[in-house]
C-alpha atoms as a PDB file:
ATOM      1  CA  UNK A   1      -0.047  -0.002   0.059  1.00  0.00           C
ATOM      2  CA  UNK A   2       1.245   3.513  -0.903  1.00  0.00           C
ATOM      3  CA  UNK A   3       2.675   5.445   1.963  1.00  0.00           C
ATOM      4  CA  UNK A   4       2.129   8.869   0.114  1.00  0.00           C
ATOM      5  CA  UNK A   5      -0.879  10.293  -1.234  1.00  0.00           C
ATOM      6  CA  UNK A   6      -1.036  11.390  -4.865  1.00  0.00           C
ATOM      7  CA  UNK A   7      -1.305  15.074  -3.872  1.00  0.00           C
ATOM      8  CA  UNK A   8       1.695  14.631  -1.628  1.00  0.00           C
ATOM      9  CA  UNK A   9       3.701  13.090  -4.132  1.00  0.00           C
ATOM     10  CA  UNK A  10       2.756  15.823  -6.755  1.00  0.00           C
ATOM     11  CA  UNK A  11       4.017  18.323  -4.131  1.00  0.00           C
ATOM     12  CA  UNK A  12       7.253  16.656  -3.859  1.00  0.00           C
ATOM     13  CA  UNK A  13       7.683  16.520  -7.656  1.00  0.00           C
ATOM     14  CA  UNK A  14       6.931  20.114  -7.894  1.00  0.00           C
ATOM     15  CA  UNK A  15       9.255  21.017  -4.902  1.00  0.00           C
ATOM     16  CA  UNK A  16      12.367  19.287  -6.238  1.00  0.00           C
ATOM     17  CA  UNK A  17      11.603  19.543  -9.844  1.00  0.00           C
ATOM     18  CA  UNK A  18      13.328  16.175 -10.883  1.00  0.00           C
ATOM     19  CA  UNK A  19      12.245  12.448 -10.989  1.00  0.00           C
ATOM     20  CA  UNK A  20      15.259  10.153 -11.536  1.00  0.00           C
ATOM     21  CA  UNK A  21      14.412   7.118 -13.804  1.00  0.00           C
ATOM     22  CA  UNK A  22      16.357   3.854 -13.105  1.00  0.00           C
ATOM     23  CA  UNK A  23      16.338   0.224 -13.685  1.00  0.00           C
ATOM     24  CA  UNK A  24      18.698  -2.575 -13.111  1.00  0.00           C
ATOM     25  CA  UNK A  25      18.301  -6.193 -12.260  1.00  0.00           C
ATOM     26  CA  UNK A  26      20.729  -6.216  -9.442  1.00  0.00           C
ATOM     27  CA  UNK A  27      19.063  -5.620  -6.042  1.00  0.00           C
ATOM     28  CA  UNK A  28      22.209  -4.641  -4.326  1.00  0.00           C
ATOM     29  CA  UNK A  29      23.337  -2.363  -6.835  1.00  0.00           C
ATOM     30  CA  UNK A  30      19.808  -0.746  -7.040  1.00  0.00           C
ATOM     31  CA  UNK A  31      20.144  -0.073  -3.356  1.00  0.00           C
ATOM     32  CA  UNK A  32      23.488   1.844  -3.786  1.00  0.00           C
ATOM     33  CA  UNK A  33      21.811   3.768  -6.577  1.00  0.00           C
ATOM     34  CA  UNK A  34      18.963   4.729  -4.385  1.00  0.00           C
ATOM     35  CA  UNK A  35      21.312   5.701  -1.371  1.00  0.00           C
ATOM     36  CA  UNK A  36      23.394   7.870  -3.992  1.00  0.00           C
ATOM     37  CA  UNK A  37      20.417   9.866  -5.380  1.00  0.00           C
ATOM     38  CA  UNK A  38      18.877   9.942  -1.677  1.00  0.00           C
ATOM     39  CA  UNK A  39      22.386  11.618  -0.583  1.00  0.00           C
ATOM     40  CA  UNK A  40      22.529  13.828  -3.321  1.00  0.00           C
ATOM     41  CA  UNK A  41      19.056  15.371  -2.401  1.00  0.00           C
ATOM     42  CA  UNK A  42      16.450  13.374  -4.560  1.00  0.00           C
ATOM     43  CA  UNK A  43      13.262  12.389  -2.943  1.00  0.00           C
ATOM     44  CA  UNK A  44      11.688  10.476  -5.632  1.00  0.00           C
ATOM     45  CA  UNK A  45      12.741   7.741  -7.786  1.00  0.00           C
ATOM     46  CA  UNK A  46      10.914   6.181 -10.714  1.00  0.00           C
ATOM     47  CA  UNK A  47      12.009   2.491 -11.003  1.00  0.00           C
ATOM     48  CA  UNK A  48      11.264   1.712 -14.732  1.00  0.00           C
ATOM     49  CA  UNK A  49       9.924  -1.796 -14.593  1.00  0.00           C
ATOM     50  CA  UNK A  50      11.191  -3.217 -17.922  1.00  0.00           C
ATOM     51  CA  UNK A  51      13.043  -6.387 -17.065  1.00  0.00           C
ATOM     52  CA  UNK A  52      11.922 -10.041 -16.037  1.00  0.00           C
ATOM     53  CA  UNK A  53      11.022 -10.350 -12.579  1.00  0.00           C
ATOM     54  CA  UNK A  54      11.194  -6.732 -12.047  1.00  0.00           C
ATOM     55  CA  UNK A  55       8.519  -6.771  -9.531  1.00  0.00           C
ATOM     56  CA  UNK A  56      10.910  -8.610  -7.338  1.00  0.00           C
ATOM     57  CA  UNK A  57      13.538  -6.030  -7.667  1.00  0.00           C
ATOM     58  CA  UNK A  58      10.928  -3.272  -6.774  1.00  0.00           C
ATOM     59  CA  UNK A  59       9.798  -4.929  -3.655  1.00  0.00           C
ATOM     60  CA  UNK A  60      13.182  -5.295  -2.256  1.00  0.00           C
ATOM     61  CA  UNK A  61      14.292  -1.704  -3.118  1.00  0.00           C
ATOM     62  CA  UNK A  62      11.023  -0.288  -1.774  1.00  0.00           C
ATOM     63  CA  UNK A  63      11.523  -2.249   1.573  1.00  0.00           C
ATOM     64  CA  UNK A  64      15.068  -0.731   1.636  1.00  0.00           C
ATOM     65  CA  UNK A  65      13.995   2.783   1.130  1.00  0.00           C
ATOM     66  CA  UNK A  66      11.231   2.474   3.741  1.00  0.00           C
ATOM     67  CA  UNK A  67      13.609   1.138   6.266  1.00  0.00           C
ATOM     68  CA  UNK A  68      16.955   3.123   5.464  1.00  0.00           C
ATOM     69  CA  UNK A  69      15.799   6.233   3.477  1.00  0.00           C
ATOM     70  CA  UNK A  70      13.146   8.264   5.163  1.00  0.00           C
ATOM     71  CA  UNK A  71      11.077  10.488   2.940  1.00  0.00           C
ATOM     72  CA  UNK A  72      12.286   8.569  -0.238  1.00  0.00           C
ATOM     73  CA  UNK A  73       9.227   8.263  -2.367  1.00  0.00           C
ATOM     74  CA  UNK A  74       9.390   5.141  -4.670  1.00  0.00           C
ATOM     75  CA  UNK A  75       7.203   4.795  -7.980  1.00  0.00           C
ATOM     76  CA  UNK A  76       7.152   2.506 -10.875  1.00  0.00           C
ATOM     77  CA  UNK A  77       7.336   3.496 -14.498  1.00  0.00           C
ATOM     78  CA  UNK A  78       6.846   1.623 -17.851  1.00  0.00           C
ATOM     79  CA  UNK A  79       3.574   0.171 -16.537  1.00  0.00           C
ATOM     80  CA  UNK A  80       1.036  -0.480 -19.572  1.00  0.00           C
ATOM     81  CA  UNK A  81      -2.087  -2.277 -17.909  1.00  0.00           C
ATOM     82  CA  UNK A  82      -4.148  -1.961 -14.630  1.00  0.00           C
ATOM     83  CA  UNK A  83      -3.000  -5.572 -13.716  1.00  0.00           C
ATOM     84  CA  UNK A  84       0.583  -4.319 -13.578  1.00  0.00           C
ATOM     85  CA  UNK A  85      -0.404  -1.140 -11.732  1.00  0.00           C
ATOM     86  CA  UNK A  86      -2.201  -3.000  -9.178  1.00  0.00           C
ATOM     87  CA  UNK A  87       0.626  -5.553  -8.554  1.00  0.00           C
ATOM     88  CA  UNK A  88       3.194  -2.865  -7.943  1.00  0.00           C
ATOM     89  CA  UNK A  89       0.671  -0.715  -5.721  1.00  0.00           C
ATOM     90  CA  UNK A  90       0.339  -3.911  -3.559  1.00  0.00           C
ATOM     91  CA  UNK A  91       4.050  -3.660  -3.006  1.00  0.00           C
ATOM     92  CA  UNK A  92       3.844  -0.001  -2.016  1.00  0.00           C
ATOM     93  CA  UNK A  93       4.404   1.943  -5.376  1.00  0.00           C
ATOM     94  CA  UNK A  94       3.526   5.534  -4.262  1.00  0.00           C
ATOM     95  CA  UNK A  95       2.987   6.540  -8.185  1.00  0.00           C
ATOM     96  CA  UNK A  96       2.596   4.903 -11.386  1.00  0.00           C
ATOM     97  CA  UNK A  97       4.091   6.221 -14.748  1.00  0.00           C
ATOM     98  CA  UNK A  98       2.824   4.829 -18.129  1.00  0.00           C
ATOM     99  CA  UNK A  99       4.129   5.464 -21.689  1.00  0.00           C
ATOM    100  CA  UNK A 100       0.580   6.081 -22.864  1.00  0.00           C
ATOM    101  CA  UNK A 101      -2.662   7.222 -21.733  1.00  0.00           C
ATOM    102  CA  UNK A 102      -4.680   4.146 -20.317  1.00  0.00           C
ATOM    103  CA  UNK A 103      -8.019   4.764 -18.762  1.00  0.00           C
ATOM    104  CA  UNK A 104      -7.795   1.364 -17.043  1.00  0.00           C
ATOM    105  CA  UNK A 105      -4.685   2.317 -14.990  1.00  0.00           C
ATOM    106  CA  UNK A 106      -6.487   5.910 -14.108  1.00  0.00           C
ATOM    107  CA  UNK A 107      -9.344   3.786 -12.652  1.00  0.00           C
ATOM    108  CA  UNK A 108      -7.235   1.687 -10.436  1.00  0.00           C
ATOM    109  CA  UNK A 109      -4.911   4.378  -9.210  1.00  0.00           C
ATOM    110  CA  UNK A 110      -7.690   6.773  -8.521  1.00  0.00           C
ATOM    111  CA  UNK A 111      -9.285   4.217  -6.378  1.00  0.00           C
ATOM    112  CA  UNK A 112      -6.283   4.060  -4.009  1.00  0.00           C
ATOM    113  CA  UNK A 113      -5.611   7.806  -4.237  1.00  0.00           C
ATOM    114  CA  UNK A 114      -2.096   6.921  -5.833  1.00  0.00           C
ATOM    115  CA  UNK A 115      -0.609   9.393  -8.356  1.00  0.00           C
ATOM    116  CA  UNK A 116      -0.387   8.285 -11.856  1.00  0.00           C
ATOM    117  CA  UNK A 117       1.391  10.059 -14.647  1.00  0.00           C
ATOM    118  CA  UNK A 118       0.185   8.979 -18.218  1.00  0.00           C
ATOM    119  CA  UNK A 119       2.511   9.445 -21.237  1.00  0.00           C
ATOM    120  CA  UNK A 120       0.749  12.057 -23.565  1.00  0.00           C
ATOM    121  CA  UNK A 121       1.444  13.650 -26.814  1.00  0.00           C
ATOM    122  CA  UNK A 122      -1.404  15.754 -27.888  1.00  0.00           C
ATOM    123  CA  UNK A 123      -3.693  18.361 -26.455  1.00  0.00           C
ATOM    124  CA  UNK A 124      -6.596  15.917 -26.552  1.00  0.00           C
ATOM    125  CA  UNK A 125      -4.717  13.252 -24.603  1.00  0.00           C
ATOM    126  CA  UNK A 126      -3.574  15.779 -21.921  1.00  0.00           C
ATOM    127  CA  UNK A 127      -7.191  17.099 -21.790  1.00  0.00           C
ATOM    128  CA  UNK A 128      -8.536  13.562 -21.439  1.00  0.00           C
ATOM    129  CA  UNK A 129      -6.072  12.890 -18.642  1.00  0.00           C
ATOM    130  CA  UNK A 130      -6.969  15.769 -16.627  1.00  0.00           C
ATOM    131  CA  UNK A 131     -10.675  14.662 -17.065  1.00  0.00           C
ATOM    132  CA  UNK A 132      -9.535  11.424 -15.748  1.00  0.00           C
ATOM    133  CA  UNK A 133      -7.874  13.068 -12.582  1.00  0.00           C
ATOM    134  CA  UNK A 134      -4.226  13.334 -13.650  1.00  0.00           C
ATOM    135  CA  UNK A 135      -2.294  15.793 -11.539  1.00  0.00           C
ATOM    136  CA  UNK A 136       1.002  15.791 -13.513  1.00  0.00           C
ATOM    137  CA  UNK A 137       1.042  14.834 -17.263  1.00  0.00           C
ATOM    138  CA  UNK A 138       4.185  13.086 -18.557  1.00  0.00           C
ATOM    139  CA  UNK A 139       5.119  14.263 -21.996  1.00  0.00           C
ATOM    140  CA  UNK A 140       6.756  11.672 -23.785  1.00  0.00           C
ATOM    141  CA  UNK A 141       9.019  11.301 -25.661  1.00  0.00           C
ATOM    142  CA  UNK A 142      10.152  14.766 -24.518  1.00  0.00           C
ATOM    143  CA  UNK A 143      12.590  15.093 -27.267  1.00  0.00           C
ATOM    144  CA  UNK A 144      10.055  14.735 -30.087  1.00  0.00           C
ATOM    145  CA  UNK A 145       8.034  17.798 -28.718  1.00  0.00           C
ATOM    146  CA  UNK A 146      10.503  20.106 -27.119  1.00  0.00           C
ATOM    147  CA  UNK A 147      10.006  23.252 -24.779  1.00  0.00           C
ATOM    148  CA  UNK A 148       8.115  24.889 -27.607  1.00  0.00           C
ATOM    149  CA  UNK A 149       5.218  22.512 -27.183  1.00  0.00           C
ATOM    150  CA  UNK A 150       5.084  22.930 -23.494  1.00  0.00           C
ATOM    151  CA  UNK A 151       4.976  26.666 -23.942  1.00  0.00           C
ATOM    152  CA  UNK A 152       2.114  26.377 -26.535  1.00  0.00           C
ATOM    153  CA  UNK A 153       0.156  24.404 -24.162  1.00  0.00           C
ATOM    154  CA  UNK A 154       0.561  26.459 -21.041  1.00  0.00           C
ATOM    155  CA  UNK A 155      -0.757  29.604 -22.949  1.00  0.00           C
ATOM    156  CA  UNK A 156      -4.383  28.344 -23.137  1.00  0.00           C
ATOM    157  CA  UNK A 157      -4.113  25.705 -20.094  1.00  0.00           C
ATOM    158  CA  UNK A 158      -1.906  27.569 -17.352  1.00  0.00           C
ATOM    159  CA  UNK A 159      -3.380  24.982 -15.031  1.00  0.00           C
ATOM    160  CA  UNK A 160      -1.751  21.950 -16.948  1.00  0.00           C
ATOM    161  CA  UNK A 161       1.492  20.488 -14.948  1.00  0.00           C
ATOM    162  CA  UNK A 162       3.931  18.815 -17.372  1.00  0.00           C
ATOM    163  CA  UNK A 163       6.844  16.522 -16.692  1.00  0.00           C
ATOM    164  CA  UNK A 164       8.809  15.843 -20.036  1.00  0.00           C
ATOM    165  CA  UNK A 165      10.809  12.566 -20.139  1.00  0.00           C
ATOM    166  CA  UNK A 166      13.344  11.690 -22.768  1.00  0.00           C
ATOM    167  CA  UNK A 167      15.153  14.559 -24.124  1.00  0.00           C
ATOM    168  CA  UNK A 168      16.075  16.001 -20.811  1.00  0.00           C
ATOM    169  CA  UNK A 169      19.819  16.214 -19.706  1.00  0.00           C
ATOM    170  CA  UNK A 170      21.741  17.739 -16.933  1.00  0.00           C
ATOM    171  CA  UNK A 171      23.149  20.711 -19.012  1.00  0.00           C
ATOM    172  CA  UNK A 172      22.123  24.108 -18.015  1.00  0.00           C
ATOM    173  CA  UNK A 173      20.628  25.203 -21.455  1.00  0.00           C
ATOM    174  CA  UNK A 174      18.553  22.059 -21.689  1.00  0.00           C
ATOM    175  CA  UNK A 175      17.183  22.526 -18.258  1.00  0.00           C
ATOM    176  CA  UNK A 176      16.486  26.234 -18.689  1.00  0.00           C
ATOM    177  CA  UNK A 177      14.601  25.740 -21.863  1.00  0.00           C
ATOM    178  CA  UNK A 178      12.077  23.194 -20.238  1.00  0.00           C
ATOM    179  CA  UNK A 179      11.719  25.359 -17.142  1.00  0.00           C
ATOM    180  CA  UNK A 180      11.564  28.654 -18.956  1.00  0.00           C
ATOM    181  CA  UNK A 181       8.553  26.773 -20.887  1.00  0.00           C
ATOM    182  CA  UNK A 182       6.764  26.198 -17.757  1.00  0.00           C
ATOM    183  CA  UNK A 183       7.324  22.464 -16.862  1.00  0.00           C
ATOM    184  CA  UNK A 184       6.590  21.482 -13.371  1.00  0.00           C
ATOM    185  CA  UNK A 185       9.270  18.880 -13.125  1.00  0.00           C
ATOM    186  CA  UNK A 186      11.434  16.581 -15.463  1.00  0.00           C
ATOM    187  CA  UNK A 187      12.191  13.096 -15.527  1.00  0.00           C
ATOM    188  CA  UNK A 188      15.621  11.942 -16.364  1.00  0.00           C
ATOM    189  CA  UNK A 189      16.954   8.515 -16.961  1.00  0.00           C
ATOM    190  CA  UNK A 190      20.272   7.756 -18.802  1.00  0.00           C
ATOM    191  CA  UNK A 191      21.455  11.336 -18.824  1.00  0.00           C
ATOM    192  CA  UNK A 192      21.520  11.190 -15.099  1.00  0.00           C
ATOM    193  CA  UNK A 193      22.224   7.786 -13.932  1.00  0.00           C
ATOM    194  CA  UNK A 194      24.367   6.730 -16.881  1.00  0.00           C
ATOM    195  CA  UNK A 195      25.693   3.312 -18.209  1.00  0.00           C
ATOM    196  CA  UNK A 196      29.168   4.438 -17.329  1.00  0.00           C
ATOM    197  CA  UNK A 197      28.140   5.322 -13.726  1.00  0.00           C
ATOM    198  CA  UNK A 198      26.572   1.831 -13.351  1.00  0.00           C
ATOM    199  CA  UNK A 199      29.382  -0.013 -14.909  1.00  0.00           C
ATOM    200  CA  UNK A 200      31.991   1.544 -12.825  1.00  0.00           C
ATOM    201  CA  UNK A 201      29.890   1.793  -9.788  1.00  0.00           C
ATOM    202  CA  UNK A 202      30.583   5.320  -9.293  1.00  0.00           C
ATOM    203  CA  UNK A 203      28.110   6.007  -6.484  1.00  0.00           C
ATOM    204  CA  UNK A 204      29.977   9.077  -5.116  1.00  0.00           C
ATOM    205  CA  UNK A 205      29.899  10.544  -8.699  1.00  0.00           C
ATOM    206  CA  UNK A 206      26.268   9.884  -8.925  1.00  0.00           C
ATOM    207  CA  UNK A 207      25.678  11.433  -5.685  1.00  0.00           C
ATOM    208  CA  UNK A 208      27.517  14.594  -6.745  1.00  0.00           C
ATOM    209  CA  UNK A 209      25.587  14.742 -10.132  1.00  0.00           C
ATOM    210  CA  UNK A 210      22.254  14.483  -8.414  1.00  0.00           C
ATOM    211  CA  UNK A 211      23.072  17.553  -6.035  1.00  0.00           C
ATOM    212  CA  UNK A 212      24.657  19.508  -8.897  1.00  0.00           C
ATOM    213  CA  UNK A 213      21.405  19.150 -10.832  1.00  0.00           C
ATOM    214  CA  UNK A 214      19.072  19.868  -8.283  1.00  0.00           C
ATOM    215  CA  UNK A 215      20.907  22.967  -7.352  1.00  0.00           C
ATOM    216  CA  UNK A 216      20.836  23.973 -11.082  1.00  0.00           C
ATOM    217  CA  UNK A 217      17.092  23.495 -11.098  1.00  0.00           C
ATOM    218  CA  UNK A 218      16.548  25.382  -8.143  1.00  0.00           C
ATOM    219  CA  UNK A 219      18.607  28.134  -9.574  1.00  0.00           C
ATOM    220  CA  UNK A 220      17.087  28.313 -12.701  1.00  0.00           C
ATOM    221  CA  UNK A 221      13.624  28.452 -11.133  1.00  0.00           C
ATOM    222  CA  UNK A 222      14.740  31.534  -8.767  1.00  0.00           C
END
């Protein structure tokens, strides 16, 4: 069962401005990644459930976060149907992220007051997601649309909260472009938790990168 309500999760997303994305089948490596992100200041992690037996990995990582990382909010991404969403919510997922707009997932998440963020790519999809109770829209793939799309949406719909995923990097120009356009937060995967960091087990480097990126986002916003 989720520890945090959808409104609490949405508020932390807005406050920190960044949701790191991560998947690896090695549980012990995953724990070290979580700890590095946490020590760097991140308070949310989206575990992208893309591998076989990913639910077993998430279960152990969420137990670790609850015990060792107070305030760390664990969610799950790459969810494609209501059954998978329900499974991960039983394991304590605090938010569910999907690559597309799925109304069946909206229903099961809303029933439990769990935040769900669907991947949308048109204004019609965004409007439908908001009608279904979505707090924060995932713009996916962000690289296809860019900050200009966000700015165009925010004009007629200033109430829409957007989280681009894909096409977001740690570079200042990139982040400034997104936040200047009006995004609420950004989802960041391999640009933050890179293959090199994982291969070299450079957890100190990851902690520093998370810390620097969060500081940069705070500076851009101010």
